[in-house]
Amino acid sequence: MVEKHPCNFCGTMIEPGTGKMFVKKDGSIFYFCGTKCENNHKLGRVPRRVAWTSAGRKARGKE
């Protein structure tokens, strides 16, 4: 069975065969559902401060 991973930026579950896996030189692994999440992570944005992420919705009391 293929594993489902949550996106490291927005928190949505990534279906098998989709998304991107990014491995840093220190061996840490990041999973992204799309380029929107990947680019926001590269820009250094914090998911709690972005309104459409699950962490951002939780921080604002919407979930």
N, C-alpha and C. Protein backbone atom coordinates (compact mmCIF):
# COMPACT_ATOMS: atom_id res chain seq x y z
N MET A 1 0.84 -1.18 0.00
CA MET A 1 0.00 0.00 0.00
C MET A 1 0.89 1.24 0.00
N VAL A 2 0.57 2.16 -0.88
CA VAL A 2 1.34 3.39 -0.99
C VAL A 2 0.87 4.36 0.09
N GLU A 3 1.82 5.03 0.72
CA GLU A 3 1.50 5.94 1.83
C GLU A 3 1.00 7.28 1.31
N LYS A 4 0.11 7.89 2.08
CA LYS A 4 -0.32 9.26 1.85
C LYS A 4 0.45 10.13 2.84
N HIS A 5 0.95 11.25 2.37
CA HIS A 5 1.69 12.17 3.22
C HIS A 5 0.97 13.50 3.26
N PRO A 6 1.00 14.21 4.39
CA PRO A 6 0.43 15.55 4.42
C PRO A 6 1.43 16.55 3.83
N CYS A 7 0.91 17.57 3.20
CA CYS A 7 1.76 18.64 2.67
C CYS A 7 2.39 19.37 3.85
N ASN A 8 3.69 19.62 3.77
CA ASN A 8 4.38 20.26 4.88
C ASN A 8 4.04 21.74 5.01
N PHE A 9 3.41 22.32 4.00
CA PHE A 9 3.05 23.73 4.11
C PHE A 9 1.57 23.92 4.44
N CYS A 10 0.68 23.36 3.62
CA CYS A 10 -0.75 23.64 3.83
C CYS A 10 -1.45 22.57 4.66
N GLY A 11 -0.92 21.37 4.76
CA GLY A 11 -1.50 20.35 5.62
C GLY A 11 -2.48 19.42 4.94
N THR A 12 -2.78 19.59 3.66
CA THR A 12 -3.70 18.69 2.97
C THR A 12 -3.01 17.37 2.67
N MET A 13 -3.79 16.30 2.59
CA MET A 13 -3.22 14.99 2.27
C MET A 13 -2.91 14.90 0.77
N ILE A 14 -1.75 14.37 0.44
CA ILE A 14 -1.30 14.25 -0.94
C ILE A 14 -1.60 12.84 -1.43
N GLU A 15 -2.30 12.74 -2.53
CA GLU A 15 -2.62 11.45 -3.13
C GLU A 15 -1.35 10.82 -3.70
N PRO A 16 -1.25 9.49 -3.67
CA PRO A 16 -0.08 8.82 -4.25
C PRO A 16 0.06 9.14 -5.73
N GLY A 17 1.28 9.43 -6.15
CA GLY A 17 1.56 9.75 -7.55
C GLY A 17 1.46 11.22 -7.86
N THR A 18 1.14 12.06 -6.88
CA THR A 18 1.06 13.50 -7.11
C THR A 18 1.97 14.21 -6.12
N GLY A 19 2.17 15.49 -6.32
CA GLY A 19 2.97 16.29 -5.40
C GLY A 19 4.46 16.16 -5.65
N LYS A 20 5.23 16.81 -4.79
CA LYS A 20 6.69 16.81 -4.90
C LYS A 20 7.31 16.48 -3.55
N MET A 21 8.43 15.79 -3.60
CA MET A 21 9.20 15.51 -2.40
C MET A 21 10.51 16.26 -2.52
N PHE A 22 10.84 17.06 -1.52
CA PHE A 22 12.06 17.85 -1.51
C PHE A 22 12.93 17.37 -0.37
N VAL A 23 14.17 16.99 -0.66
CA VAL A 23 15.10 16.49 0.36
C VAL A 23 16.25 17.48 0.49
N LYS A 24 16.44 18.01 1.69
CA LYS A 24 17.53 18.94 1.94
C LYS A 24 18.84 18.18 2.13
N LYS A 25 19.94 18.91 2.13
CA LYS A 25 21.25 18.29 2.27
C LYS A 25 21.44 17.61 3.62
N ASP A 26 20.73 18.08 4.65
CA ASP A 26 20.85 17.47 5.96
C ASP A 26 19.98 16.23 6.11
N GLY A 27 19.22 15.87 5.07
CA GLY A 27 18.43 14.65 5.09
C GLY A 27 16.98 14.84 5.46
N SER A 28 16.57 16.08 5.78
CA SER A 28 15.17 16.31 6.12
C SER A 28 14.31 16.30 4.85
N ILE A 29 13.13 15.71 4.95
CA ILE A 29 12.25 15.51 3.80
C ILE A 29 11.03 16.40 3.94
N PHE A 30 10.67 17.10 2.86
CA PHE A 30 9.48 17.94 2.81
C PHE A 30 8.61 17.44 1.66
N TYR A 31 7.30 17.34 1.91
CA TYR A 31 6.34 16.95 0.89
C TYR A 31 5.47 18.16 0.58
N PHE A 32 5.29 18.47 -0.71
CA PHE A 32 4.46 19.59 -1.13
C PHE A 32 3.41 19.10 -2.10
N CYS A 33 2.17 19.63 -1.96
CA CYS A 33 1.08 19.19 -2.82
C CYS A 33 1.17 19.85 -4.19
N GLY A 34 1.79 21.00 -4.29
CA GLY A 34 1.92 21.69 -5.57
C GLY A 34 2.96 22.79 -5.49
N THR A 35 3.11 23.51 -6.61
CA THR A 35 4.12 24.56 -6.65
C THR A 35 3.74 25.76 -5.79
N LYS A 36 2.45 25.97 -5.54
CA LYS A 36 2.03 27.07 -4.68
C LYS A 36 2.60 26.91 -3.28
N CYS A 37 2.49 25.71 -2.74
CA CYS A 37 3.03 25.45 -1.40
C CYS A 37 4.56 25.44 -1.41
N GLU A 38 5.14 24.89 -2.45
CA GLU A 38 6.60 24.83 -2.55
C GLU A 38 7.20 26.23 -2.62
N ASN A 39 6.62 27.10 -3.43
CA ASN A 39 7.13 28.46 -3.56
C ASN A 39 6.93 29.27 -2.28
N ASN A 40 5.80 29.08 -1.59
CA ASN A 40 5.59 29.79 -0.33
C ASN A 40 6.60 29.33 0.71
N HIS A 41 6.95 28.06 0.72
CA HIS A 41 7.95 27.55 1.66
C HIS A 41 9.33 28.12 1.33
N LYS A 42 9.67 28.18 0.04
CA LYS A 42 10.96 28.73 -0.37
C LYS A 42 11.09 30.21 -0.03
N LEU A 43 9.95 30.93 -0.06
CA LEU A 43 9.96 32.34 0.29
C LEU A 43 10.08 32.58 1.79
N GLY A 44 9.95 31.50 2.57
CA GLY A 44 10.11 31.62 4.01
C GLY A 44 8.84 32.01 4.74
N ARG A 45 7.70 31.85 4.09
CA ARG A 45 6.44 32.20 4.73
C ARG A 45 6.07 31.17 5.79
N VAL A 46 5.45 31.64 6.86
CA VAL A 46 5.03 30.79 7.96
C VAL A 46 3.59 30.36 7.69
N PRO A 47 3.28 29.05 7.70
CA PRO A 47 1.92 28.60 7.40
C PRO A 47 0.85 29.16 8.33
N ARG A 48 1.19 29.50 9.56
CA ARG A 48 0.21 30.07 10.49
C ARG A 48 -0.27 31.45 10.05
N ARG A 49 0.55 32.15 9.28
CA ARG A 49 0.21 33.51 8.86
C ARG A 49 -0.46 33.56 7.48
N VAL A 50 -0.58 32.42 6.82
CA VAL A 50 -1.22 32.36 5.51
C VAL A 50 -2.64 31.85 5.71
N ALA A 51 -3.62 32.62 5.24
CA ALA A 51 -5.03 32.36 5.58
C ALA A 51 -5.57 31.05 5.03
N TRP A 52 -5.10 30.57 3.88
CA TRP A 52 -5.71 29.39 3.25
C TRP A 52 -5.13 28.07 3.73
N THR A 53 -4.11 28.07 4.57
CA THR A 53 -3.56 26.81 5.08
C THR A 53 -4.36 26.34 6.29
N SER A 54 -4.23 25.05 6.60
CA SER A 54 -4.96 24.53 7.77
C SER A 54 -4.44 25.14 9.06
N ALA A 55 -3.15 25.40 9.14
CA ALA A 55 -2.59 26.05 10.34
C ALA A 55 -3.06 27.49 10.44
N GLY A 56 -3.21 28.15 9.31
CA GLY A 56 -3.70 29.54 9.31
C GLY A 56 -5.15 29.62 9.71
N ARG A 57 -5.96 28.66 9.24
CA ARG A 57 -7.38 28.63 9.62
C ARG A 57 -7.53 28.31 11.10
N LYS A 58 -6.68 27.42 11.60
CA LYS A 58 -6.73 27.07 13.02
C LYS A 58 -6.31 28.25 13.89
N ALA A 59 -5.32 29.03 13.42
CA ALA A 59 -4.85 30.18 14.18
C ALA A 59 -5.91 31.28 14.25
N ARG A 60 -6.75 31.37 13.23
CA ARG A 60 -7.79 32.40 13.20
C ARG A 60 -9.10 31.93 13.82
N GLY A 61 -9.15 30.67 14.25
CA GLY A 61 -10.34 30.14 14.92
C GLY A 61 -11.43 29.69 13.97
N LYS A 62 -11.08 29.43 12.71
CA LYS A 62 -12.07 28.99 11.72
C LYS A 62 -12.31 27.50 11.73
N GLU A 63 -11.38 26.74 12.26
CA GLU A 63 -11.53 25.27 12.33
C GLU A 63 -11.49 24.81 13.76
